[in-house]
Structure formats: C-alpha cells, structure tokens
Amino acid sequence: MEEQWLSFVQDKWWVIALAAVAVFVIIKIVRTALKWAVVIIIAAGLLLYGANYKELVEDISGTVASYAKEEAFEAMKKESDQAEVTQDEEGNFIVTSPNFRVQGSLDSDEVDITFREQTFTVKRNEIVNVFIEQARQGN
C-alpha cells in the first residue's frame, strides 16, 4: 500500500500541487462552512484517485504485456528458419534465434521466452511448437 502511494506521489505530483493550490485559494476566499465542504470534497477526490492509481497502472502493464507477447509470436514465425536448438540428456532444450531464446523441457507444457530483453513464461502453443520443430529440422 505504501508503495502505491509513493508511486502516485512521484507520478502525479502535479495533481497534488493543484489540489493544494485549490484548497489554499478556497480557504482564503470563501469564509463560510461551504469552504470546508469543498476542501473535504477535494481531499476525498485526491484520496480516491490515489487509491485507484495502482489498478490503472496494472491495467496498462497488462495491456503492454499482452501486446509484447503477440508481437513476439509474430516475430517468432518469421525467425523460425534461423533458429538453432541445443538439448541435453534430461530433455531440457534451448532454442536461439537472432531475437529470441526459448527455454524449456520436453515434458513441460510451458516455456520461457526471452524477447527484447524481456522474459515471460507461456504455455506451449502451436507457434512455439512450430518454432522448436523448425529449429530441430534445421540442425
């Protein structure tokens, strides 16, 4: 929770500054109980925005990760003829191409794919299996 607030303050400091200026102006200009209602509304809005900030960041990062996987699979199709495979006695393999490193085990349904210095674990799908098989056929 503390990390969420630190991230919010670092990324959205201008929102906090704008709210502080608005509160200061309202306190100086308005002299009734209405000013305290407006101050409370601004503070509540700021707290709600900050509390939901983590979800906004997670949504954006999920979208980016999904796009990166799609982009990686498309590029894998294009590089499958340049891929090389190494395999040990235990069934572990590494397939490398100019932009990829696919690492896994023959008895596992998941592989680790490194693409553009980002590693993610995915279920072996048709694209990954074709990439591995074409690398084997090339050697």
C-alpha atoms as a PDB file:
ATOM      1  CA  MET A   1       0.000   0.000   0.000  1.00  0.00           C
ATOM      2  CA  GLU A   2       2.831   2.367   0.865  1.00  0.00           C
ATOM      3  CA  GLU A   3       4.499   1.634  -2.478  1.00  0.00           C
ATOM      4  CA  GLN A   4       1.270   2.519  -4.266  1.00  0.00           C
ATOM      5  CA  TRP A   5       1.150   5.940  -2.590  1.00  0.00           C
ATOM      6  CA  LEU A   6       4.842   6.605  -3.270  1.00  0.00           C
ATOM      7  CA  SER A   7       4.314   5.771  -6.924  1.00  0.00           C
ATOM      8  CA  PHE A   8       1.257   8.012  -7.041  1.00  0.00           C
ATOM      9  CA  VAL A   9       3.123  10.936  -5.456  1.00  0.00           C
ATOM     10  CA  GLN A  10       6.092  10.519  -7.820  1.00  0.00           C
ATOM     11  CA  ASP A  11       3.999  10.195 -10.979  1.00  0.00           C
ATOM     12  CA  LYS A  12       1.151  12.596 -10.185  1.00  0.00           C
ATOM     13  CA  TRP A  13       2.794  15.265  -8.013  1.00  0.00           C
ATOM     14  CA  TRP A  14       1.206  17.942 -10.164  1.00  0.00           C
ATOM     15  CA  VAL A  15      -2.292  16.742  -9.216  1.00  0.00           C
ATOM     16  CA  ILE A  16      -1.401  17.040  -5.554  1.00  0.00           C
ATOM     17  CA  ALA A  17       0.073  20.506  -6.084  1.00  0.00           C
ATOM     18  CA  LEU A  18      -3.017  21.633  -7.999  1.00  0.00           C
ATOM     19  CA  ALA A  19      -5.266  20.335  -5.211  1.00  0.00           C
ATOM     20  CA  ALA A  20      -3.168  22.140  -2.593  1.00  0.00           C
ATOM     21  CA  VAL A  21      -3.402  25.434  -4.515  1.00  0.00           C
ATOM     22  CA  ALA A  22      -7.172  24.994  -4.910  1.00  0.00           C
ATOM     23  CA  VAL A  23      -7.566  24.336  -1.174  1.00  0.00           C
ATOM     24  CA  PHE A  24      -5.440  27.381  -0.307  1.00  0.00           C
ATOM     25  CA  VAL A  25      -7.451  29.655  -2.635  1.00  0.00           C
ATOM     26  CA  ILE A  26     -10.764  28.349  -1.301  1.00  0.00           C
ATOM     27  CA  ILE A  27      -9.705  28.855   2.320  1.00  0.00           C
ATOM     28  CA  LYS A  28      -8.557  32.430   1.603  1.00  0.00           C
ATOM     29  CA  ILE A  29     -11.570  33.495  -0.484  1.00  0.00           C
ATOM     30  CA  VAL A  30     -14.590  31.661   0.915  1.00  0.00           C
ATOM     31  CA  ARG A  31     -15.455  32.427   4.531  1.00  0.00           C
ATOM     32  CA  THR A  32     -18.364  30.101   5.226  1.00  0.00           C
ATOM     33  CA  ALA A  33     -18.916  26.486   6.100  1.00  0.00           C
ATOM     34  CA  LEU A  34     -19.131  25.880   2.348  1.00  0.00           C
ATOM     35  CA  LYS A  35     -15.356  26.223   2.076  1.00  0.00           C
ATOM     36  CA  TRP A  36     -14.838  23.242   4.379  1.00  0.00           C
ATOM     37  CA  ALA A  37     -17.237  21.163   2.312  1.00  0.00           C
ATOM     38  CA  VAL A  38     -15.260  21.989  -0.836  1.00  0.00           C
ATOM     39  CA  VAL A  39     -11.967  21.236   0.933  1.00  0.00           C
ATOM     40  CA  ILE A  40     -13.319  17.849   2.061  1.00  0.00           C
ATOM     41  CA  ILE A  41     -14.538  17.067  -1.465  1.00  0.00           C
ATOM     42  CA  ILE A  42     -11.111  17.898  -2.945  1.00  0.00           C
ATOM     43  CA  ALA A  43      -9.334  15.790  -0.323  1.00  0.00           C
ATOM     44  CA  ALA A  44     -11.718  12.859  -0.876  1.00  0.00           C
ATOM     45  CA  GLY A  45     -11.263  13.076  -4.636  1.00  0.00           C
ATOM     46  CA  LEU A  46      -7.499  13.092  -4.252  1.00  0.00           C
ATOM     47  CA  LEU A  47      -7.617  10.078  -1.919  1.00  0.00           C
ATOM     48  CA  LEU A  48      -9.882   8.111  -4.268  1.00  0.00           C
ATOM     49  CA  TYR A  49      -7.711   8.906  -7.280  1.00  0.00           C
ATOM     50  CA  GLY A  50      -4.584   7.845  -5.395  1.00  0.00           C
ATOM     51  CA  ALA A  51      -6.206   4.677  -4.073  1.00  0.00           C
ATOM     52  CA  ASN A  52      -7.212   3.596  -7.593  1.00  0.00           C
ATOM     53  CA  TYR A  53      -3.860   4.501  -9.115  1.00  0.00           C
ATOM     54  CA  LYS A  54      -2.431   1.002  -8.685  1.00  0.00           C
ATOM     55  CA  GLU A  55      -5.271  -0.545 -10.695  1.00  0.00           C
ATOM     56  CA  LEU A  56      -4.708   1.952 -13.505  1.00  0.00           C
ATOM     57  CA  VAL A  57      -1.012   1.057 -13.672  1.00  0.00           C
ATOM     58  CA  GLU A  58      -1.773  -2.689 -13.564  1.00  0.00           C
ATOM     59  CA  ASP A  59      -4.300  -2.363 -16.396  1.00  0.00           C
ATOM     60  CA  ILE A  60      -1.786  -0.541 -18.543  1.00  0.00           C
ATOM     61  CA  SER A  61       1.013  -3.006 -17.793  1.00  0.00           C
ATOM     62  CA  GLY A  62      -1.293  -5.948 -18.610  1.00  0.00           C
ATOM     63  CA  THR A  63      -2.122  -4.408 -21.973  1.00  0.00           C
ATOM     64  CA  VAL A  64       1.549  -3.831 -22.728  1.00  0.00           C
ATOM     65  CA  ALA A  65       2.476  -7.408 -21.764  1.00  0.00           C
ATOM     66  CA  SER A  66      -0.275  -8.820 -23.974  1.00  0.00           C
ATOM     67  CA  TYR A  67       0.890  -6.714 -26.916  1.00  0.00           C
ATOM     68  CA  ALA A  68       4.504  -7.809 -26.365  1.00  0.00           C
ATOM     69  CA  LYS A  69       3.511 -11.487 -26.436  1.00  0.00           C
ATOM     70  CA  GLU A  70       1.559 -11.041 -29.666  1.00  0.00           C
ATOM     71  CA  GLU A  71       4.472  -9.178 -31.219  1.00  0.00           C
ATOM     72  CA  ALA A  72       6.877 -11.884 -30.065  1.00  0.00           C
ATOM     73  CA  PHE A  73       4.781 -14.688 -31.568  1.00  0.00           C
ATOM     74  CA  GLU A  74       4.593 -12.878 -34.908  1.00  0.00           C
ATOM     75  CA  ALA A  75       8.354 -12.345 -34.945  1.00  0.00           C
ATOM     76  CA  MET A  76       8.918 -16.000 -33.979  1.00  0.00           C
ATOM     77  CA  LYS A  77       7.111 -17.090 -37.131  1.00  0.00           C
ATOM     78  CA  LYS A  78       9.498 -15.002 -39.224  1.00  0.00           C
ATOM     79  CA  GLU A  79      12.670 -16.197 -37.464  1.00  0.00           C
ATOM     80  CA  SER A  80      11.903 -19.895 -37.188  1.00  0.00           C
ATOM     81  CA  ASP A  81      14.142 -20.767 -40.149  1.00  0.00           C
ATOM     82  CA  GLN A  82      17.141 -19.072 -38.439  1.00  0.00           C
ATOM     83  CA  ALA A  83      16.699 -20.825 -35.098  1.00  0.00           C
ATOM     84  CA  GLU A  84      19.169 -23.297 -33.614  1.00  0.00           C
ATOM     85  CA  VAL A  85      18.429 -25.800 -30.867  1.00  0.00           C
ATOM     86  CA  THR A  86      20.566 -27.380 -28.157  1.00  0.00           C
ATOM     87  CA  GLN A  87      19.282 -30.175 -25.961  1.00  0.00           C
ATOM     88  CA  ASP A  88      20.725 -32.079 -23.009  1.00  0.00           C
ATOM     89  CA  GLU A  89      20.214 -35.686 -21.894  1.00  0.00           C
ATOM     90  CA  GLU A  90      17.478 -34.711 -19.411  1.00  0.00           C
ATOM     91  CA  GLY A  91      15.192 -33.308 -22.113  1.00  0.00           C
ATOM     92  CA  ASN A  92      15.885 -29.630 -21.470  1.00  0.00           C
ATOM     93  CA  PHE A  93      16.281 -27.538 -24.599  1.00  0.00           C
ATOM     94  CA  ILE A  94      17.248 -24.022 -25.620  1.00  0.00           C
ATOM     95  CA  VAL A  95      16.256 -22.619 -28.987  1.00  0.00           C
ATOM     96  CA  THR A  96      18.003 -19.431 -30.056  1.00  0.00           C
ATOM     97  CA  SER A  97      17.482 -17.097 -32.983  1.00  0.00           C
ATOM     98  CA  PRO A  98      18.606 -13.526 -33.613  1.00  0.00           C
ATOM     99  CA  ASN A  99      15.921 -12.051 -31.319  1.00  0.00           C
ATOM    100  CA  PHE A 100      14.699 -14.988 -29.245  1.00  0.00           C
ATOM    101  CA  ARG A 101      15.686 -17.511 -26.660  1.00  0.00           C
ATOM    102  CA  VAL A 102      13.141 -20.229 -25.918  1.00  0.00           C
ATOM    103  CA  GLN A 103      13.990 -22.442 -22.979  1.00  0.00           C
ATOM    104  CA  GLY A 104      12.027 -25.376 -21.644  1.00  0.00           C
ATOM    105  CA  SER A 105      11.725 -29.082 -21.087  1.00  0.00           C
ATOM    106  CA  LEU A 106      10.222 -31.734 -23.347  1.00  0.00           C
ATOM    107  CA  ASP A 107       7.911 -32.958 -20.584  1.00  0.00           C
ATOM    108  CA  SER A 108       6.631 -29.462 -19.689  1.00  0.00           C
ATOM    109  CA  ASP A 109       3.765 -27.599 -21.312  1.00  0.00           C
ATOM    110  CA  GLU A 110       5.353 -24.204 -20.508  1.00  0.00           C
ATOM    111  CA  VAL A 111       8.424 -22.474 -21.922  1.00  0.00           C
ATOM    112  CA  ASP A 112      10.347 -19.324 -21.041  1.00  0.00           C
ATOM    113  CA  ILE A 113      10.652 -16.924 -23.956  1.00  0.00           C
ATOM    114  CA  THR A 114      13.153 -14.089 -23.910  1.00  0.00           C
ATOM    115  CA  PHE A 115      12.341 -11.371 -26.447  1.00  0.00           C
ATOM    116  CA  ARG A 116      13.816  -7.870 -26.454  1.00  0.00           C
ATOM    117  CA  GLU A 117      15.409  -8.483 -23.044  1.00  0.00           C
ATOM    118  CA  GLN A 118      12.031  -9.405 -21.512  1.00  0.00           C
ATOM    119  CA  THR A 119      11.426 -12.950 -20.308  1.00  0.00           C
ATOM    120  CA  PHE A 120       7.957 -14.363 -19.874  1.00  0.00           C
ATOM    121  CA  THR A 121       6.567 -17.832 -19.327  1.00  0.00           C
ATOM    122  CA  VAL A 122       3.894 -19.051 -21.722  1.00  0.00           C
ATOM    123  CA  LYS A 123       2.049 -22.261 -22.425  1.00  0.00           C
ATOM    124  CA  ARG A 124       3.423 -24.099 -25.401  1.00  0.00           C
ATOM    125  CA  ASN A 125       1.129 -23.270 -28.275  1.00  0.00           C
ATOM    126  CA  GLU A 126       1.211 -24.051 -31.977  1.00  0.00           C
ATOM    127  CA  ILE A 127       3.534 -21.147 -32.793  1.00  0.00           C
ATOM    128  CA  VAL A 128       6.072 -22.132 -30.126  1.00  0.00           C
ATOM    129  CA  ASN A 129       5.958 -25.802 -31.137  1.00  0.00           C
ATOM    130  CA  VAL A 130       6.484 -24.955 -34.826  1.00  0.00           C
ATOM    131  CA  PHE A 131       9.399 -22.684 -33.851  1.00  0.00           C
ATOM    132  CA  ILE A 132      11.011 -25.531 -31.881  1.00  0.00           C
ATOM    133  CA  GLU A 133      10.380 -28.156 -34.574  1.00  0.00           C
ATOM    134  CA  GLN A 134      11.744 -25.989 -37.381  1.00  0.00           C
ATOM    135  CA  ALA A 135      14.859 -25.330 -35.294  1.00  0.00           C
ATOM    136  CA  ARG A 136      15.314 -29.085 -34.850  1.00  0.00           C
ATOM    137  CA  GLN A 137      14.852 -29.733 -38.575  1.00  0.00           C
ATOM    138  CA  GLY A 138      17.390 -27.046 -39.402  1.00  0.00           C
ATOM    139  CA  ASN A 139      20.087 -28.833 -37.346  1.00  0.00           C
END
